[in-house]
């Protein structure tokens, strides 16, 4: 799964093989210019879905194999994910 912030500054993708979320900085022309600060971020077992809130300040991850949600706040400058709701 892929999610992009409304500001088009950051892209997040699930990595179910490693139970992580990988973040990328979106550069000029839509190119991926590198990882976000602190990427990858650990999540639950077998992440399969992502959703970013309308303010672009939080990310929710659906973890299929343990039937949980993991919440992160998104740093608007670096894209770093911090576990927990803002």
C-alpha atoms as a PDB file:
ATOM      1  CA  UNK A   1       0.000   0.000   0.000  1.00  0.00           C
ATOM      2  CA  UNK A   2       1.083   3.573  -0.656  1.00  0.00           C
ATOM      3  CA  UNK A   3      -0.034   6.854   0.920  1.00  0.00           C
ATOM      4  CA  UNK A   4       1.033  10.403   0.006  1.00  0.00           C
ATOM      5  CA  UNK A   5       0.565  13.447   2.220  1.00  0.00           C
ATOM      6  CA  UNK A   6      -1.761  16.148   0.867  1.00  0.00           C
ATOM      7  CA  UNK A   7       1.217  18.498   0.712  1.00  0.00           C
ATOM      8  CA  UNK A   8       2.829  16.035  -1.739  1.00  0.00           C
ATOM      9  CA  UNK A   9       6.025  16.200   0.344  1.00  0.00           C
ATOM     10  CA  UNK A  10       6.115  12.626   1.675  1.00  0.00           C
ATOM     11  CA  UNK A  11       5.236   9.127   0.469  1.00  0.00           C
ATOM     12  CA  UNK A  12       4.814   6.123   2.774  1.00  0.00           C
ATOM     13  CA  UNK A  13       4.712   2.465   1.768  1.00  0.00           C
ATOM     14  CA  UNK A  14       4.115  -0.744   3.728  1.00  0.00           C
ATOM     15  CA  UNK A  15       6.840  -3.386   3.838  1.00  0.00           C
ATOM     16  CA  UNK A  16       4.967  -6.451   5.057  1.00  0.00           C
ATOM     17  CA  UNK A  17       8.045  -8.692   4.780  1.00  0.00           C
ATOM     18  CA  UNK A  18       9.811  -6.631   7.456  1.00  0.00           C
ATOM     19  CA  UNK A  19       6.764  -5.268   9.368  1.00  0.00           C
ATOM     20  CA  UNK A  20       7.777  -1.681   8.691  1.00  0.00           C
ATOM     21  CA  UNK A  21       6.597   1.518   7.065  1.00  0.00           C
ATOM     22  CA  UNK A  22       9.140   3.132   4.749  1.00  0.00           C
ATOM     23  CA  UNK A  23       8.931   6.878   4.158  1.00  0.00           C
ATOM     24  CA  UNK A  24      10.321   8.848   1.225  1.00  0.00           C
ATOM     25  CA  UNK A  25      10.739  12.556   0.528  1.00  0.00           C
ATOM     26  CA  UNK A  26       9.088  13.634  -2.711  1.00  0.00           C
ATOM     27  CA  UNK A  27      11.362  16.027  -4.582  1.00  0.00           C
ATOM     28  CA  UNK A  28      10.965  18.322  -7.556  1.00  0.00           C
ATOM     29  CA  UNK A  29       8.935  16.854 -10.380  1.00  0.00           C
ATOM     30  CA  UNK A  30       7.678  14.032  -8.152  1.00  0.00           C
ATOM     31  CA  UNK A  31      10.970  12.182  -7.893  1.00  0.00           C
ATOM     32  CA  UNK A  32      11.764  10.358  -4.662  1.00  0.00           C
ATOM     33  CA  UNK A  33      14.791  12.164  -3.275  1.00  0.00           C
ATOM     34  CA  UNK A  34      15.569   9.933  -0.305  1.00  0.00           C
ATOM     35  CA  UNK A  35      14.183   8.407   2.874  1.00  0.00           C
ATOM     36  CA  UNK A  36      12.408  10.435   5.534  1.00  0.00           C
ATOM     37  CA  UNK A  37      14.194  10.956   8.835  1.00  0.00           C
ATOM     38  CA  UNK A  38      14.043   7.778  10.945  1.00  0.00           C
ATOM     39  CA  UNK A  39      12.765   5.561   8.125  1.00  0.00           C
ATOM     40  CA  UNK A  40      11.859   2.707   8.248  1.00  0.00           C
ATOM     41  CA  UNK A  41       9.451   2.667  11.188  1.00  0.00           C
ATOM     42  CA  UNK A  42       8.419  -0.547  12.949  1.00  0.00           C
ATOM     43  CA  UNK A  43       4.740  -1.441  12.932  1.00  0.00           C
ATOM     44  CA  UNK A  44       2.511  -4.411  13.696  1.00  0.00           C
ATOM     45  CA  UNK A  45       2.446  -7.814  12.045  1.00  0.00           C
ATOM     46  CA  UNK A  46       1.951  -7.742   8.238  1.00  0.00           C
ATOM     47  CA  UNK A  47       0.975  -4.093   7.552  1.00  0.00           C
ATOM     48  CA  UNK A  48      -1.512  -3.933   4.688  1.00  0.00           C
ATOM     49  CA  UNK A  49      -3.274  -0.572   4.722  1.00  0.00           C
ATOM     50  CA  UNK A  50      -2.348   3.081   5.202  1.00  0.00           C
ATOM     51  CA  UNK A  51      -4.397   6.234   5.689  1.00  0.00           C
ATOM     52  CA  UNK A  52      -3.283   9.817   6.276  1.00  0.00           C
ATOM     53  CA  UNK A  53      -5.662  12.246   7.959  1.00  0.00           C
ATOM     54  CA  UNK A  54      -6.914  15.331   6.079  1.00  0.00           C
ATOM     55  CA  UNK A  55      -4.488  17.623   7.932  1.00  0.00           C
ATOM     56  CA  UNK A  56      -1.549  15.411   6.945  1.00  0.00           C
ATOM     57  CA  UNK A  57      -0.460  15.185  10.565  1.00  0.00           C
ATOM     58  CA  UNK A  58      -1.095  11.506  11.316  1.00  0.00           C
ATOM     59  CA  UNK A  59      -0.840   8.112   9.669  1.00  0.00           C
ATOM     60  CA  UNK A  60      -2.826   4.991  10.557  1.00  0.00           C
ATOM     61  CA  UNK A  61      -1.606   1.507   9.598  1.00  0.00           C
ATOM     62  CA  UNK A  62      -3.741  -1.642   9.439  1.00  0.00           C
ATOM     63  CA  UNK A  63      -1.799  -4.699  10.627  1.00  0.00           C
ATOM     64  CA  UNK A  64      -3.488  -7.771   9.169  1.00  0.00           C
ATOM     65  CA  UNK A  65      -2.015 -10.689  11.108  1.00  0.00           C
ATOM     66  CA  UNK A  66      -2.467  -9.253  14.600  1.00  0.00           C
ATOM     67  CA  UNK A  67      -5.722  -7.358  13.863  1.00  0.00           C
ATOM     68  CA  UNK A  68      -4.389  -4.025  15.152  1.00  0.00           C
ATOM     69  CA  UNK A  69      -3.977  -0.430  14.090  1.00  0.00           C
ATOM     70  CA  UNK A  70      -0.743   1.477  14.613  1.00  0.00           C
ATOM     71  CA  UNK A  71      -0.896   5.276  14.755  1.00  0.00           C
ATOM     72  CA  UNK A  72       1.911   7.720  13.999  1.00  0.00           C
ATOM     73  CA  UNK A  73       2.236  11.474  14.007  1.00  0.00           C
ATOM     74  CA  UNK A  74       3.966  12.915  10.927  1.00  0.00           C
ATOM     75  CA  UNK A  75       6.568  15.661  11.294  1.00  0.00           C
ATOM     76  CA  UNK A  76       5.554  18.229   8.653  1.00  0.00           C
ATOM     77  CA  UNK A  77       9.182  19.281   8.023  1.00  0.00           C
ATOM     78  CA  UNK A  78      11.066  15.961   7.915  1.00  0.00           C
ATOM     79  CA  UNK A  79       8.308  13.369   7.415  1.00  0.00           C
ATOM     80  CA  UNK A  80       9.557  11.450  10.444  1.00  0.00           C
ATOM     81  CA  UNK A  81       6.962   9.116  11.945  1.00  0.00           C
ATOM     82  CA  UNK A  82       6.538   9.059  15.725  1.00  0.00           C
ATOM     83  CA  UNK A  83       4.406   6.339  17.292  1.00  0.00           C
ATOM     84  CA  UNK A  84       1.181   7.702  18.778  1.00  0.00           C
ATOM     85  CA  UNK A  85      -1.490  10.152  17.766  1.00  0.00           C
ATOM     86  CA  UNK A  86      -0.689  13.885  17.515  1.00  0.00           C
END
